[in-house]
Amino acid sequence: MQGGVPRVGFVGVGTIAEALITGMCAEDEHRADFLLSPRNAEIAARLAGRYPFVTVAADNQAVVDGSDIVFLAITPQVAEQVLAPLAFRPDQRIVSLVATFDLARLHPLVAPATTIIRAAPLPPVAQRMGALPFHPPLPEIAALLDGLGLVVPLEREEDLDALWAVTALMGSYFGLLDQVSGWLTDRGVPEDQARPYVGAVLHALGVAAQARSGEGFDRLSVAYSTPGGLNEQAWRELKAAGWPGLVSETLDLVHARIGGEATLADTLPRNRD
């Protein structure tokens, strides 16, 4: 550490890395000195220009050499290729954001470093919102991530894999919003009214879901559905069409891929006829 804060490096600087760094630096908070990979020059330069304690390194090895904590913010497709030539230190803490690489697969890639944490942040951490599960629950990493949303320290790696599968629904969520707002515009509602309306309705429900999660979502479904009313009708129609089962099946496929039990090719859409 230098100046009382950890030196945090990022190997790979994409959307998630930018969101994490933005969240950790929000309100000019100096919780770490950041050293970034030059791999994505545009994002790295943008962050370095915005925050005085963010620097762009010459290369990935320079990131590793200058960091106490190293975030691996690279895609699974290039992870082994990027990590193989890097020389890590035994005292370093490694935080992996690579979804499909479990701890057993990561250990030989970052040896002789032995302290590895897997984390699954989402883009809203930039606004210090959403959820951020990680395993194992190392206090030093919990302190670094504190305040970036709902921080969820997990004792079991299999729990992290299950929670990680749920993050795959982000595109589906926005796809749902697009379908609903498109339905409105097809009926003449102007786009500049339809989209904010749909976003506001679903956002409010999300806030309620987090605030009242202790009640159980099944009970909230009943509470928000007047008997014989429109909400009850809509949920009945979606259940009859098999929608809940399709969600579970999709999560099963994603979970299998995260756990290494399937590849992308194995999970391509199948003909359901």
C-alpha atoms as a PDB file:
ATOM      1  CA  MET A   1       0.000   0.000   0.000  1.00  0.00           C
ATOM      2  CA  GLN A   2       0.993   3.590  -0.626  1.00  0.00           C
ATOM      3  CA  GLY A   3      -0.423   6.552   1.286  1.00  0.00           C
ATOM      4  CA  GLY A   4      -2.715   4.290   3.334  1.00  0.00           C
ATOM      5  CA  VAL A   5      -4.738   3.050   0.365  1.00  0.00           C
ATOM      6  CA  PRO A   6      -4.277  -0.186  -1.600  1.00  0.00           C
ATOM      7  CA  ARG A   7      -2.823  -0.254  -5.097  1.00  0.00           C
ATOM      8  CA  VAL A   8      -5.500  -1.810  -7.278  1.00  0.00           C
ATOM      9  CA  GLY A   9      -4.775  -2.952 -10.809  1.00  0.00           C
ATOM     10  CA  PHE A  10      -7.136  -3.892 -13.608  1.00  0.00           C
ATOM     11  CA  VAL A  11      -6.058  -6.352 -16.299  1.00  0.00           C
ATOM     12  CA  GLY A  12      -8.673  -5.519 -18.894  1.00  0.00           C
ATOM     13  CA  VAL A  13     -10.730  -2.319 -18.846  1.00  0.00           C
ATOM     14  CA  GLY A  14     -14.181  -2.887 -20.290  1.00  0.00           C
ATOM     15  CA  THR A  15     -17.697  -1.921 -19.274  1.00  0.00           C
ATOM     16  CA  ILE A  16     -17.700  -3.724 -15.921  1.00  0.00           C
ATOM     17  CA  ALA A  17     -14.224  -2.491 -14.978  1.00  0.00           C
ATOM     18  CA  GLU A  18     -15.212   1.076 -15.814  1.00  0.00           C
ATOM     19  CA  ALA A  19     -18.361   0.728 -13.710  1.00  0.00           C
ATOM     20  CA  LEU A  20     -16.405  -0.618 -10.729  1.00  0.00           C
ATOM     21  CA  ILE A  21     -13.770   2.109 -10.882  1.00  0.00           C
ATOM     22  CA  THR A  22     -16.416   4.805 -11.337  1.00  0.00           C
ATOM     23  CA  GLY A  23     -18.313   3.510  -8.313  1.00  0.00           C
ATOM     24  CA  MET A  24     -15.215   3.301  -6.146  1.00  0.00           C
ATOM     25  CA  CYS A  25     -14.183   6.831  -7.157  1.00  0.00           C
ATOM     26  CA  ALA A  26     -17.644   8.394  -6.836  1.00  0.00           C
ATOM     27  CA  GLU A  27     -17.764  11.761  -5.068  1.00  0.00           C
ATOM     28  CA  ASP A  28     -13.956  11.921  -5.464  1.00  0.00           C
ATOM     29  CA  GLU A  29     -13.494   9.231  -2.807  1.00  0.00           C
ATOM     30  CA  HIS A  30      -9.884   8.025  -2.733  1.00  0.00           C
ATOM     31  CA  ARG A  31     -10.258   4.428  -1.562  1.00  0.00           C
ATOM     32  CA  ALA A  32      -7.431   3.098  -3.773  1.00  0.00           C
ATOM     33  CA  ASP A  33      -4.776   4.040  -6.319  1.00  0.00           C
ATOM     34  CA  PHE A  34      -5.786   2.439  -9.608  1.00  0.00           C
ATOM     35  CA  LEU A  35      -3.471   1.155 -12.325  1.00  0.00           C
ATOM     36  CA  LEU A  36      -5.173   0.236 -15.573  1.00  0.00           C
ATOM     37  CA  SER A  37      -4.334  -2.005 -18.482  1.00  0.00           C
ATOM     38  CA  PRO A  38      -3.921  -0.120 -21.778  1.00  0.00           C
ATOM     39  CA  ARG A  39      -5.882  -2.848 -23.585  1.00  0.00           C
ATOM     40  CA  ASN A  40      -8.951  -0.624 -24.020  1.00  0.00           C
ATOM     41  CA  ALA A  41      -7.181   2.676 -24.560  1.00  0.00           C
ATOM     42  CA  GLU A  42     -10.349   4.786 -24.853  1.00  0.00           C
ATOM     43  CA  ILE A  43     -11.910   3.705 -21.553  1.00  0.00           C
ATOM     44  CA  ALA A  44      -8.570   3.716 -19.715  1.00  0.00           C
ATOM     45  CA  ALA A  45      -7.762   7.240 -20.911  1.00  0.00           C
ATOM     46  CA  ARG A  46     -11.257   8.449 -19.999  1.00  0.00           C
ATOM     47  CA  LEU A  47     -10.924   7.165 -16.433  1.00  0.00           C
ATOM     48  CA  ALA A  48      -7.392   8.528 -16.039  1.00  0.00           C
ATOM     49  CA  GLY A  49      -8.563  11.927 -17.234  1.00  0.00           C
ATOM     50  CA  ARG A  50     -11.497  11.934 -14.835  1.00  0.00           C
ATOM     51  CA  TYR A  51      -9.796  10.785 -11.613  1.00  0.00           C
ATOM     52  CA  PRO A  52      -6.381  11.936 -10.292  1.00  0.00           C
ATOM     53  CA  PHE A  53      -5.650   8.578  -8.642  1.00  0.00           C
ATOM     54  CA  VAL A  54      -6.122   6.533 -11.839  1.00  0.00           C
ATOM     55  CA  THR A  55      -3.085   5.795 -14.043  1.00  0.00           C
ATOM     56  CA  VAL A  56      -2.706   3.824 -17.268  1.00  0.00           C
ATOM     57  CA  ALA A  57       0.152   1.294 -17.234  1.00  0.00           C
ATOM     58  CA  ALA A  58       2.459   0.447 -20.124  1.00  0.00           C
ATOM     59  CA  ASP A  59       1.186  -3.133 -20.323  1.00  0.00           C
ATOM     60  CA  ASN A  60      -0.510  -5.893 -18.334  1.00  0.00           C
ATOM     61  CA  GLN A  61       2.693  -6.976 -16.597  1.00  0.00           C
ATOM     62  CA  ALA A  62       3.200  -3.410 -15.377  1.00  0.00           C
ATOM     63  CA  VAL A  63      -0.318  -3.569 -13.899  1.00  0.00           C
ATOM     64  CA  VAL A  64       0.549  -6.750 -12.004  1.00  0.00           C
ATOM     65  CA  ASP A  65       3.919  -5.417 -10.856  1.00  0.00           C
ATOM     66  CA  GLY A  66       2.421  -2.215  -9.468  1.00  0.00           C
ATOM     67  CA  SER A  67      -0.617  -3.656  -7.667  1.00  0.00           C
ATOM     68  CA  ASP A  68      -1.498  -5.203  -4.322  1.00  0.00           C
ATOM     69  CA  ILE A  69      -4.920  -6.288  -5.586  1.00  0.00           C
ATOM     70  CA  VAL A  70      -5.347  -7.338  -9.221  1.00  0.00           C
ATOM     71  CA  PHE A  71      -8.774  -7.433 -10.870  1.00  0.00           C
ATOM     72  CA  LEU A  72      -9.056  -9.765 -13.849  1.00  0.00           C
ATOM     73  CA  ALA A  73     -11.626  -7.968 -16.028  1.00  0.00           C
ATOM     74  CA  ILE A  74     -11.183 -10.003 -19.204  1.00  0.00           C
ATOM     75  CA  THR A  75     -13.495 -12.260 -21.174  1.00  0.00           C
ATOM     76  CA  PRO A  76     -13.371 -16.046 -20.762  1.00  0.00           C
ATOM     77  CA  GLN A  77     -12.400 -16.405 -24.424  1.00  0.00           C
ATOM     78  CA  VAL A  78      -9.030 -14.665 -23.921  1.00  0.00           C
ATOM     79  CA  ALA A  79      -8.404 -15.285 -20.212  1.00  0.00           C
ATOM     80  CA  GLU A  80      -5.826 -18.057 -20.548  1.00  0.00           C
ATOM     81  CA  GLN A  81      -4.031 -16.269 -23.391  1.00  0.00           C
ATOM     82  CA  VAL A  82      -3.800 -13.014 -21.401  1.00  0.00           C
ATOM     83  CA  LEU A  83      -2.893 -14.535 -18.030  1.00  0.00           C
ATOM     84  CA  ALA A  84      -0.386 -17.207 -19.123  1.00  0.00           C
ATOM     85  CA  PRO A  85       2.579 -14.838 -19.718  1.00  0.00           C
ATOM     86  CA  LEU A  86       2.001 -12.734 -16.570  1.00  0.00           C
ATOM     87  CA  ALA A  87       4.143 -13.152 -13.452  1.00  0.00           C
ATOM     88  CA  PHE A  88       2.159 -12.724 -10.245  1.00  0.00           C
ATOM     89  CA  ARG A  89       3.475 -12.490  -6.647  1.00  0.00           C
ATOM     90  CA  PRO A  90       2.605 -14.762  -3.707  1.00  0.00           C
ATOM     91  CA  ASP A  91       1.331 -11.833  -1.616  1.00  0.00           C
ATOM     92  CA  GLN A  92      -1.139 -10.507  -4.166  1.00  0.00           C
ATOM     93  CA  ARG A  93      -4.915 -10.766  -3.939  1.00  0.00           C
ATOM     94  CA  ILE A  94      -6.597 -11.656  -7.230  1.00  0.00           C
ATOM     95  CA  VAL A  95     -10.204 -10.639  -7.903  1.00  0.00           C
ATOM     96  CA  SER A  96     -11.585 -12.458 -10.930  1.00  0.00           C
ATOM     97  CA  LEU A  97     -14.582 -11.191 -12.884  1.00  0.00           C
ATOM     98  CA  VAL A  98     -14.333 -14.092 -15.352  1.00  0.00           C
ATOM     99  CA  ALA A  99     -17.691 -15.851 -15.062  1.00  0.00           C
ATOM    100  CA  THR A 100     -16.841 -19.330 -16.350  1.00  0.00           C
ATOM    101  CA  PHE A 101     -13.509 -19.798 -14.527  1.00  0.00           C
ATOM    102  CA  ASP A 102     -13.899 -21.323 -11.073  1.00  0.00           C
ATOM    103  CA  LEU A 103     -11.235 -21.112  -8.369  1.00  0.00           C
ATOM    104  CA  ALA A 104      -9.687 -24.438  -9.341  1.00  0.00           C
ATOM    105  CA  ARG A 105      -9.205 -23.258 -12.917  1.00  0.00           C
ATOM    106  CA  LEU A 106      -7.860 -19.867 -11.858  1.00  0.00           C
ATOM    107  CA  HIS A 107      -5.219 -21.056  -9.374  1.00  0.00           C
ATOM    108  CA  PRO A 108      -2.624 -22.320 -11.897  1.00  0.00           C
ATOM    109  CA  LEU A 109      -3.116 -19.219 -14.060  1.00  0.00           C
ATOM    110  CA  VAL A 110      -2.161 -16.774 -11.282  1.00  0.00           C
ATOM    111  CA  ALA A 111       0.308 -18.877  -9.275  1.00  0.00           C
ATOM    112  CA  PRO A 112       2.208 -18.286  -7.039  1.00  0.00           C
ATOM    113  CA  ALA A 113      -0.628 -15.984  -5.857  1.00  0.00           C
ATOM    114  CA  THR A 114      -3.004 -18.090  -3.774  1.00  0.00           C
ATOM    115  CA  THR A 115      -5.642 -15.630  -2.542  1.00  0.00           C
ATOM    116  CA  ILE A 116      -8.315 -15.513  -5.236  1.00  0.00           C
ATOM    117  CA  ILE A 117     -11.755 -13.951  -5.010  1.00  0.00           C
ATOM    118  CA  ARG A 118     -14.469 -14.302  -7.634  1.00  0.00           C
ATOM    119  CA  ALA A 119     -16.891 -11.377  -7.960  1.00  0.00           C
ATOM    120  CA  ALA A 120     -19.937 -10.702 -10.143  1.00  0.00           C
ATOM    121  CA  PRO A 121     -20.524  -6.936 -10.336  1.00  0.00           C
ATOM    122  CA  LEU A 122     -23.019  -5.374 -12.739  1.00  0.00           C
ATOM    123  CA  PRO A 123     -22.909  -1.996 -14.532  1.00  0.00           C
ATOM    124  CA  PRO A 124     -25.151  -0.223 -11.948  1.00  0.00           C
ATOM    125  CA  VAL A 125     -22.258  -0.326  -9.436  1.00  0.00           C
ATOM    126  CA  ALA A 126     -21.116   2.823 -11.253  1.00  0.00           C
ATOM    127  CA  GLN A 127     -24.056   4.552  -9.544  1.00  0.00           C
ATOM    128  CA  ARG A 128     -23.501   2.479  -6.383  1.00  0.00           C
ATOM    129  CA  MET A 129     -26.648   0.474  -7.083  1.00  0.00           C
ATOM    130  CA  GLY A 130     -27.574  -3.151  -7.655  1.00  0.00           C
ATOM    131  CA  ALA A 131     -25.901  -6.212  -6.174  1.00  0.00           C
ATOM    132  CA  LEU A 132     -22.299  -7.371  -5.959  1.00  0.00           C
ATOM    133  CA  PRO A 133     -21.817 -10.979  -4.819  1.00  0.00           C
ATOM    134  CA  PHE A 134     -18.321 -12.349  -4.204  1.00  0.00           C
ATOM    135  CA  HIS A 135     -16.588 -15.460  -2.837  1.00  0.00           C
ATOM    136  CA  PRO A 136     -14.809 -16.104  -0.544  1.00  0.00           C
ATOM    137  CA  PRO A 137     -15.824 -13.327   1.894  1.00  0.00           C
ATOM    138  CA  LEU A 138     -12.396 -11.733   2.398  1.00  0.00           C
ATOM    139  CA  PRO A 139     -12.781  -8.633   4.649  1.00  0.00           C
ATOM    140  CA  GLU A 140     -10.214  -6.618   2.684  1.00  0.00           C
ATOM    141  CA  ILE A 141     -12.206  -7.038  -0.534  1.00  0.00           C
ATOM    142  CA  ALA A 142     -15.494  -6.408   1.263  1.00  0.00           C
ATOM    143  CA  ALA A 143     -14.081  -3.073   2.473  1.00  0.00           C
ATOM    144  CA  LEU A 144     -12.918  -2.164  -1.031  1.00  0.00           C
ATOM    145  CA  LEU A 145     -16.360  -2.875  -2.497  1.00  0.00           C
ATOM    146  CA  ASP A 146     -18.379  -1.469   0.397  1.00  0.00           C
ATOM    147  CA  GLY A 147     -21.116   0.925  -0.666  1.00  0.00           C
ATOM    148  CA  LEU A 148     -21.205  -0.104  -4.334  1.00  0.00           C
ATOM    149  CA  GLY A 149     -24.716  -1.471  -3.914  1.00  0.00           C
ATOM    150  CA  LEU A 150     -25.845  -4.597  -2.087  1.00  0.00           C
ATOM    151  CA  VAL A 151     -22.533  -6.325  -1.309  1.00  0.00           C
ATOM    152  CA  VAL A 152     -23.145 -10.078  -0.889  1.00  0.00           C
ATOM    153  CA  PRO A 153     -20.216 -12.025   0.653  1.00  0.00           C
ATOM    154  CA  LEU A 154     -20.662 -15.758   0.039  1.00  0.00           C
ATOM    155  CA  GLU A 155     -19.170 -18.714   1.874  1.00  0.00           C
ATOM    156  CA  ARG A 156     -19.813 -21.227  -0.927  1.00  0.00           C
ATOM    157  CA  GLU A 157     -18.568 -20.985  -4.498  1.00  0.00           C
ATOM    158  CA  GLU A 158     -21.620 -22.838  -5.792  1.00  0.00           C
ATOM    159  CA  ASP A 159     -23.825 -20.053  -4.402  1.00  0.00           C
ATOM    160  CA  LEU A 160     -21.828 -17.507  -6.387  1.00  0.00           C
ATOM    161  CA  ASP A 161     -22.309 -19.538  -9.575  1.00  0.00           C
ATOM    162  CA  ALA A 162     -26.072 -19.604  -9.008  1.00  0.00           C
ATOM    163  CA  LEU A 163     -26.264 -15.862  -8.363  1.00  0.00           C
ATOM    164  CA  TRP A 164     -24.013 -15.225 -11.361  1.00  0.00           C
ATOM    165  CA  ALA A 165     -26.477 -17.061 -13.607  1.00  0.00           C
ATOM    166  CA  VAL A 166     -29.175 -14.541 -12.679  1.00  0.00           C
ATOM    167  CA  THR A 167     -27.014 -11.670 -13.960  1.00  0.00           C
ATOM    168  CA  ALA A 168     -27.514 -13.122 -17.450  1.00  0.00           C
ATOM    169  CA  LEU A 169     -31.067 -11.759 -17.391  1.00  0.00           C
ATOM    170  CA  MET A 170     -29.987  -8.140 -17.923  1.00  0.00           C
ATOM    171  CA  GLY A 171     -30.444  -8.309 -21.698  1.00  0.00           C
ATOM    172  CA  SER A 172     -33.739 -10.141 -21.246  1.00  0.00           C
ATOM    173  CA  TYR A 173     -34.983  -7.444 -18.878  1.00  0.00           C
ATOM    174  CA  PHE A 174     -34.310  -4.690 -21.389  1.00  0.00           C
ATOM    175  CA  GLY A 175     -35.725  -6.904 -24.121  1.00  0.00           C
ATOM    176  CA  LEU A 176     -38.950  -7.134 -22.107  1.00  0.00           C
ATOM    177  CA  LEU A 177     -39.055  -3.352 -21.752  1.00  0.00           C
ATOM    178  CA  ASP A 178     -38.495  -2.989 -25.486  1.00  0.00           C
ATOM    179  CA  GLN A 179     -41.337  -5.405 -26.233  1.00  0.00           C
ATOM    180  CA  VAL A 180     -43.719  -3.547 -23.927  1.00  0.00           C
ATOM    181  CA  SER A 181     -42.781  -0.068 -25.166  1.00  0.00           C
ATOM    182  CA  GLY A 182     -43.056  -1.346 -28.753  1.00  0.00           C
ATOM    183  CA  TRP A 183     -46.559  -2.599 -28.013  1.00  0.00           C
ATOM    184  CA  LEU A 184     -47.456   0.898 -26.841  1.00  0.00           C
ATOM    185  CA  THR A 185     -45.983   2.650 -29.880  1.00  0.00           C
ATOM    186  CA  ASP A 186     -47.841   0.225 -32.152  1.00  0.00           C
ATOM    187  CA  ARG A 187     -50.997   1.645 -30.599  1.00  0.00           C
ATOM    188  CA  GLY A 188     -50.017   5.228 -31.251  1.00  0.00           C
ATOM    189  CA  VAL A 189     -48.326   6.215 -28.002  1.00  0.00           C
ATOM    190  CA  PRO A 190     -45.324   8.451 -28.874  1.00  0.00           C
ATOM    191  CA  GLU A 191     -41.933   6.806 -28.269  1.00  0.00           C
ATOM    192  CA  ASP A 192     -40.745   9.683 -26.091  1.00  0.00           C
ATOM    193  CA  GLN A 193     -43.643   8.930 -23.743  1.00  0.00           C
ATOM    194  CA  ALA A 194     -43.795   5.133 -24.039  1.00  0.00           C
ATOM    195  CA  ARG A 195     -40.191   4.408 -23.105  1.00  0.00           C
ATOM    196  CA  PRO A 196     -39.971   6.656 -20.006  1.00  0.00           C
ATOM    197  CA  TYR A 197     -43.357   5.347 -18.869  1.00  0.00           C
ATOM    198  CA  VAL A 198     -42.318   1.691 -19.135  1.00  0.00           C
ATOM    199  CA  GLY A 199     -38.960   2.429 -17.502  1.00  0.00           C
ATOM    200  CA  ALA A 200     -40.645   4.240 -14.601  1.00  0.00           C
ATOM    201  CA  VAL A 201     -43.201   1.464 -14.015  1.00  0.00           C
ATOM    202  CA  LEU A 202     -40.592  -1.316 -13.965  1.00  0.00           C
ATOM    203  CA  HIS A 203     -38.115   0.762 -11.945  1.00  0.00           C
ATOM    204  CA  ALA A 204     -40.712   1.396  -9.249  1.00  0.00           C
ATOM    205  CA  LEU A 205     -41.476  -2.312  -9.077  1.00  0.00           C
ATOM    206  CA  GLY A 206     -37.751  -3.060  -8.733  1.00  0.00           C
ATOM    207  CA  VAL A 207     -37.488  -0.626  -5.819  1.00  0.00           C
ATOM    208  CA  ALA A 208     -40.478  -2.290  -4.165  1.00  0.00           C
ATOM    209  CA  ALA A 209     -38.990  -5.736  -4.790  1.00  0.00           C
ATOM    210  CA  GLN A 210     -35.777  -4.858  -2.956  1.00  0.00           C
ATOM    211  CA  ALA A 211     -37.505  -3.018  -0.115  1.00  0.00           C
ATOM    212  CA  ARG A 212     -40.060  -5.796   0.475  1.00  0.00           C
ATOM    213  CA  SER A 213     -38.016  -8.855  -0.482  1.00  0.00           C
ATOM    214  CA  GLY A 214     -38.429 -10.263   3.015  1.00  0.00           C
ATOM    215  CA  GLU A 215     -42.126 -10.783   2.355  1.00  0.00           C
ATOM    216  CA  GLY A 216     -41.482 -13.214  -0.511  1.00  0.00           C
ATOM    217  CA  PHE A 217     -42.039 -12.447  -4.172  1.00  0.00           C
ATOM    218  CA  ASP A 218     -44.930 -14.897  -4.391  1.00  0.00           C
ATOM    219  CA  ARG A 219     -46.784 -12.859  -1.771  1.00  0.00           C
ATOM    220  CA  LEU A 220     -45.966  -9.621  -3.558  1.00  0.00           C
ATOM    221  CA  SER A 221     -47.408 -11.101  -6.742  1.00  0.00           C
ATOM    222  CA  VAL A 222     -50.676 -11.670  -4.903  1.00  0.00           C
ATOM    223  CA  ALA A 223     -50.520  -8.277  -3.168  1.00  0.00           C
ATOM    224  CA  TYR A 224     -50.130  -6.514  -6.514  1.00  0.00           C
ATOM    225  CA  SER A 225     -52.919  -8.515  -8.182  1.00  0.00           C
ATOM    226  CA  THR A 226     -56.529  -7.689  -7.396  1.00  0.00           C
ATOM    227  CA  PRO A 227     -58.662 -10.863  -7.623  1.00  0.00           C
ATOM    228  CA  GLY A 228     -60.296 -10.877 -11.027  1.00  0.00           C
ATOM    229  CA  GLY A 229     -58.238  -7.844 -12.012  1.00  0.00           C
ATOM    230  CA  LEU A 230     -55.836  -7.043 -14.838  1.00  0.00           C
ATOM    231  CA  ASN A 231     -52.628  -8.117 -13.072  1.00  0.00           C
ATOM    232  CA  GLU A 232     -54.097 -11.479 -12.121  1.00  0.00           C
ATOM    233  CA  GLN A 233     -55.194 -11.986 -15.742  1.00  0.00           C
ATOM    234  CA  ALA A 234     -51.793 -11.106 -17.187  1.00  0.00           C
ATOM    235  CA  TRP A 235     -49.899 -13.442 -14.831  1.00  0.00           C
ATOM    236  CA  ARG A 236     -52.384 -16.251 -15.490  1.00  0.00           C
ATOM    237  CA  GLU A 237     -51.871 -15.896 -19.256  1.00  0.00           C
ATOM    238  CA  LEU A 238     -48.079 -15.825 -18.972  1.00  0.00           C
ATOM    239  CA  LYS A 239     -48.065 -18.920 -16.742  1.00  0.00           C
ATOM    240  CA  ALA A 240     -50.362 -20.757 -19.144  1.00  0.00           C
ATOM    241  CA  ALA A 241     -47.933 -19.955 -21.976  1.00  0.00           C
ATOM    242  CA  GLY A 242     -45.101 -21.555 -20.002  1.00  0.00           C
ATOM    243  CA  TRP A 243     -43.221 -18.343 -19.273  1.00  0.00           C
ATOM    244  CA  PRO A 244     -42.057 -19.259 -15.726  1.00  0.00           C
ATOM    245  CA  GLY A 245     -40.750 -22.612 -16.910  1.00  0.00           C
ATOM    246  CA  LEU A 246     -38.848 -20.998 -19.777  1.00  0.00           C
ATOM    247  CA  VAL A 247     -37.127 -18.653 -17.332  1.00  0.00           C
ATOM    248  CA  SER A 248     -36.036 -21.578 -15.155  1.00  0.00           C
ATOM    249  CA  GLU A 249     -34.839 -23.570 -18.170  1.00  0.00           C
ATOM    250  CA  THR A 250     -32.823 -20.611 -19.411  1.00  0.00           C
ATOM    251  CA  LEU A 251     -31.181 -20.119 -16.027  1.00  0.00           C
ATOM    252  CA  ASP A 252     -30.350 -23.847 -15.950  1.00  0.00           C
ATOM    253  CA  LEU A 253     -28.528 -23.504 -19.283  1.00  0.00           C
ATOM    254  CA  VAL A 254     -26.607 -20.416 -18.172  1.00  0.00           C
ATOM    255  CA  HIS A 255     -25.720 -22.056 -14.847  1.00  0.00           C
ATOM    256  CA  ALA A 256     -24.395 -25.131 -16.630  1.00  0.00           C
ATOM    257  CA  ARG A 257     -22.143 -22.936 -18.746  1.00  0.00           C
ATOM    258  CA  ILE A 258     -20.814 -21.037 -15.707  1.00  0.00           C
ATOM    259  CA  GLY A 259     -20.081 -24.317 -13.948  1.00  0.00           C
ATOM    260  CA  GLY A 260     -18.187 -25.694 -16.927  1.00  0.00           C
ATOM    261  CA  GLU A 261     -20.794 -28.370 -17.564  1.00  0.00           C
ATOM    262  CA  ALA A 262     -21.715 -26.930 -20.965  1.00  0.00           C
ATOM    263  CA  THR A 263     -20.282 -24.708 -23.678  1.00  0.00           C
ATOM    264  CA  LEU A 264     -21.938 -21.929 -25.645  1.00  0.00           C
ATOM    265  CA  ALA A 265     -22.595 -24.377 -28.479  1.00  0.00           C
ATOM    266  CA  ASP A 266     -24.353 -26.725 -26.046  1.00  0.00           C
ATOM    267  CA  THR A 267     -26.732 -23.952 -24.981  1.00  0.00           C
ATOM    268  CA  LEU A 268     -27.802 -22.636 -28.387  1.00  0.00           C
ATOM    269  CA  PRO A 269     -31.598 -22.373 -28.772  1.00  0.00           C
ATOM    270  CA  ARG A 270     -33.332 -25.632 -29.466  1.00  0.00           C
ATOM    271  CA  ASN A 271     -36.454 -26.274 -31.508  1.00  0.00           C
ATOM    272  CA  ARG A 272     -39.268 -26.655 -28.977  1.00  0.00           C
ATOM    273  CA  ASP A 273     -41.811 -28.050 -31.449  1.00  0.00           C
END
